[in-house]
Amino acid sequence: MISEDLENFERPTGVLLKRRHKFRALLTVMALFTASIVSIPNANADIRVTVQAGDSLSLIALKYGVTTQSIMNANGISNPDLLFMGQELIIPGVT
């Protein structure tokens, strides 16, 4: 590790000691900055499902924990009873 390498250097004057503290401070700032820009994936991402035989909008909504209306809105569906086998649906905000 870098901090261990720094410990092994001789310190003929106080200059190296000051540099080591500055270097550690720089590493700390870099670590904090990096941690602050790490992206966290959206916990409520949309997913796609394919309608299977026997599926209904209400069963799909129940399975994924969303409302029938939210699936209808996400897919531009006006009649919840009109689904087709093989139809792809967007399921919004699945956790």
C-alpha atoms as a PDB file:
ATOM      1  CA  MET A   1       0.000   0.000   0.000  1.00  0.00           C
ATOM      2  CA  ILE A   2       1.186   3.513  -0.697  1.00  0.00           C
ATOM      3  CA  SER A   3       1.058   4.657   2.931  1.00  0.00           C
ATOM      4  CA  GLU A   4       3.254   1.700   3.965  1.00  0.00           C
ATOM      5  CA  ASP A   5       5.790   2.632   1.272  1.00  0.00           C
ATOM      6  CA  LEU A   6       5.870   6.154   2.620  1.00  0.00           C
ATOM      7  CA  GLU A   7       6.662   4.858   6.105  1.00  0.00           C
ATOM      8  CA  ASN A   8       9.825   3.159   4.781  1.00  0.00           C
ATOM      9  CA  PHE A   9      11.378   6.360   3.429  1.00  0.00           C
ATOM     10  CA  GLU A  10      14.091   7.962   5.496  1.00  0.00           C
ATOM     11  CA  ARG A  11      13.325  11.390   6.865  1.00  0.00           C
ATOM     12  CA  PRO A  12      16.553  13.397   6.809  1.00  0.00           C
ATOM     13  CA  THR A  13      14.587  16.612   7.201  1.00  0.00           C
ATOM     14  CA  GLY A  14      11.024  17.599   7.931  1.00  0.00           C
ATOM     15  CA  VAL A  15      10.393  18.069   4.197  1.00  0.00           C
ATOM     16  CA  LEU A  16       9.509  14.453   3.506  1.00  0.00           C
ATOM     17  CA  LEU A  17       7.233  14.353   6.532  1.00  0.00           C
ATOM     18  CA  LYS A  18       5.334  17.404   5.269  1.00  0.00           C
ATOM     19  CA  ARG A  19       5.054  15.867   1.799  1.00  0.00           C
ATOM     20  CA  ARG A  20       3.734  12.641   3.268  1.00  0.00           C
ATOM     21  CA  HIS A  21       0.957  14.492   5.103  1.00  0.00           C
ATOM     22  CA  LYS A  22       0.084  16.408   1.939  1.00  0.00           C
ATOM     23  CA  PHE A  23       0.099  13.176  -0.046  1.00  0.00           C
ATOM     24  CA  ARG A  24      -2.191  11.457   2.461  1.00  0.00           C
ATOM     25  CA  ALA A  25      -4.507  14.456   2.391  1.00  0.00           C
ATOM     26  CA  LEU A  26      -4.578  14.271  -1.398  1.00  0.00           C
ATOM     27  CA  LEU A  27      -5.381  10.545  -1.286  1.00  0.00           C
ATOM     28  CA  THR A  28      -8.190  11.217   1.172  1.00  0.00           C
ATOM     29  CA  VAL A  29      -9.678  13.939  -1.011  1.00  0.00           C
ATOM     30  CA  MET A  30      -9.415  11.709  -4.079  1.00  0.00           C
ATOM     31  CA  ALA A  31     -11.112   8.832  -2.248  1.00  0.00           C
ATOM     32  CA  LEU A  32     -13.948  11.062  -1.064  1.00  0.00           C
ATOM     33  CA  PHE A  33     -14.393  12.568  -4.522  1.00  0.00           C
ATOM     34  CA  THR A  34     -14.431   9.145  -6.171  1.00  0.00           C
ATOM     35  CA  ALA A  35     -16.964   7.850  -3.663  1.00  0.00           C
ATOM     36  CA  SER A  36     -19.230  10.810  -4.347  1.00  0.00           C
ATOM     37  CA  ILE A  37     -19.359  10.220  -8.112  1.00  0.00           C
ATOM     38  CA  VAL A  38     -20.014   6.484  -8.040  1.00  0.00           C
ATOM     39  CA  SER A  39     -23.402   5.994  -9.618  1.00  0.00           C
ATOM     40  CA  ILE A  40     -26.018   3.937  -7.875  1.00  0.00           C
ATOM     41  CA  PRO A  41     -28.370   2.044 -10.177  1.00  0.00           C
ATOM     42  CA  ASN A  42     -31.986   3.057 -10.131  1.00  0.00           C
ATOM     43  CA  ALA A  43     -33.743   0.762  -7.681  1.00  0.00           C
ATOM     44  CA  ASN A  44     -37.020   1.237  -9.554  1.00  0.00           C
ATOM     45  CA  ALA A  45     -36.079   0.273 -13.097  1.00  0.00           C
ATOM     46  CA  ASP A  46     -38.516  -0.533 -15.886  1.00  0.00           C
ATOM     47  CA  ILE A  47     -38.447  -4.094 -17.182  1.00  0.00           C
ATOM     48  CA  ARG A  48     -39.910  -5.791 -20.244  1.00  0.00           C
ATOM     49  CA  VAL A  49     -42.044  -8.916 -20.168  1.00  0.00           C
ATOM     50  CA  THR A  50     -43.601 -10.983 -22.930  1.00  0.00           C
ATOM     51  CA  VAL A  51     -47.269 -11.885 -22.594  1.00  0.00           C
ATOM     52  CA  GLN A  52     -47.759 -15.664 -22.264  1.00  0.00           C
ATOM     53  CA  ALA A  53     -50.877 -17.800 -22.706  1.00  0.00           C
ATOM     54  CA  GLY A  54     -53.194 -17.269 -19.739  1.00  0.00           C
ATOM     55  CA  ASP A  55     -51.690 -13.907 -18.772  1.00  0.00           C
ATOM     56  CA  SER A  56     -53.892 -10.962 -17.916  1.00  0.00           C
ATOM     57  CA  LEU A  57     -52.897  -7.414 -17.168  1.00  0.00           C
ATOM     58  CA  SER A  58     -54.078  -7.758 -13.579  1.00  0.00           C
ATOM     59  CA  LEU A  59     -52.053 -10.969 -13.024  1.00  0.00           C
ATOM     60  CA  ILE A  60     -48.938  -9.373 -14.509  1.00  0.00           C
ATOM     61  CA  ALA A  61     -49.442  -6.282 -12.336  1.00  0.00           C
ATOM     62  CA  LEU A  62     -49.865  -8.462  -9.241  1.00  0.00           C
ATOM     63  CA  LYS A  63     -46.770 -10.514 -10.100  1.00  0.00           C
ATOM     64  CA  TYR A  64     -44.561  -7.414 -10.400  1.00  0.00           C
ATOM     65  CA  GLY A  65     -46.153  -5.381  -7.605  1.00  0.00           C
ATOM     66  CA  VAL A  66     -47.402  -2.530  -9.774  1.00  0.00           C
ATOM     67  CA  THR A  67     -50.854  -1.298 -10.721  1.00  0.00           C
ATOM     68  CA  THR A  68     -52.732  -2.331 -13.820  1.00  0.00           C
ATOM     69  CA  GLN A  69     -53.120   1.351 -14.651  1.00  0.00           C
ATOM     70  CA  SER A  70     -49.354   1.964 -14.514  1.00  0.00           C
ATOM     71  CA  ILE A  71     -48.771  -0.844 -17.038  1.00  0.00           C
ATOM     72  CA  MET A  72     -51.530   0.550 -19.236  1.00  0.00           C
ATOM     73  CA  ASN A  73     -50.005   4.040 -19.103  1.00  0.00           C
ATOM     74  CA  ALA A  74     -46.490   2.787 -19.853  1.00  0.00           C
ATOM     75  CA  ASN A  75     -47.681   0.823 -22.881  1.00  0.00           C
ATOM     76  CA  GLY A  76     -50.460   3.036 -24.267  1.00  0.00           C
ATOM     77  CA  ILE A  77     -53.100   0.382 -23.571  1.00  0.00           C
ATOM     78  CA  SER A  78     -56.704   1.569 -23.452  1.00  0.00           C
ATOM     79  CA  ASN A  79     -58.418  -1.821 -23.068  1.00  0.00           C
ATOM     80  CA  PRO A  80     -56.903  -3.969 -20.290  1.00  0.00           C
ATOM     81  CA  ASP A  81     -58.687  -7.066 -21.633  1.00  0.00           C
ATOM     82  CA  LEU A  82     -56.982  -6.860 -25.029  1.00  0.00           C
ATOM     83  CA  LEU A  83     -53.584  -8.561 -24.762  1.00  0.00           C
ATOM     84  CA  PHE A  84     -51.870 -10.781 -27.302  1.00  0.00           C
ATOM     85  CA  MET A  85     -49.531 -13.718 -26.767  1.00  0.00           C
ATOM     86  CA  GLY A  86     -45.999 -12.578 -27.577  1.00  0.00           C
ATOM     87  CA  GLN A  87     -46.825  -8.925 -26.919  1.00  0.00           C
ATOM     88  CA  GLU A  88     -44.015  -7.137 -25.087  1.00  0.00           C
ATOM     89  CA  LEU A  89     -45.011  -4.977 -22.151  1.00  0.00           C
ATOM     90  CA  ILE A  90     -43.023  -2.425 -20.202  1.00  0.00           C
ATOM     91  CA  ILE A  91     -43.483  -2.878 -16.472  1.00  0.00           C
ATOM     92  CA  PRO A  92     -42.625   0.515 -14.933  1.00  0.00           C
ATOM     93  CA  GLY A  93     -40.792   1.043 -11.667  1.00  0.00           C
ATOM     94  CA  VAL A  94     -40.190  -2.550 -10.600  1.00  0.00           C
ATOM     95  CA  THR A  95     -38.235  -2.788  -7.334  1.00  0.00           C
END
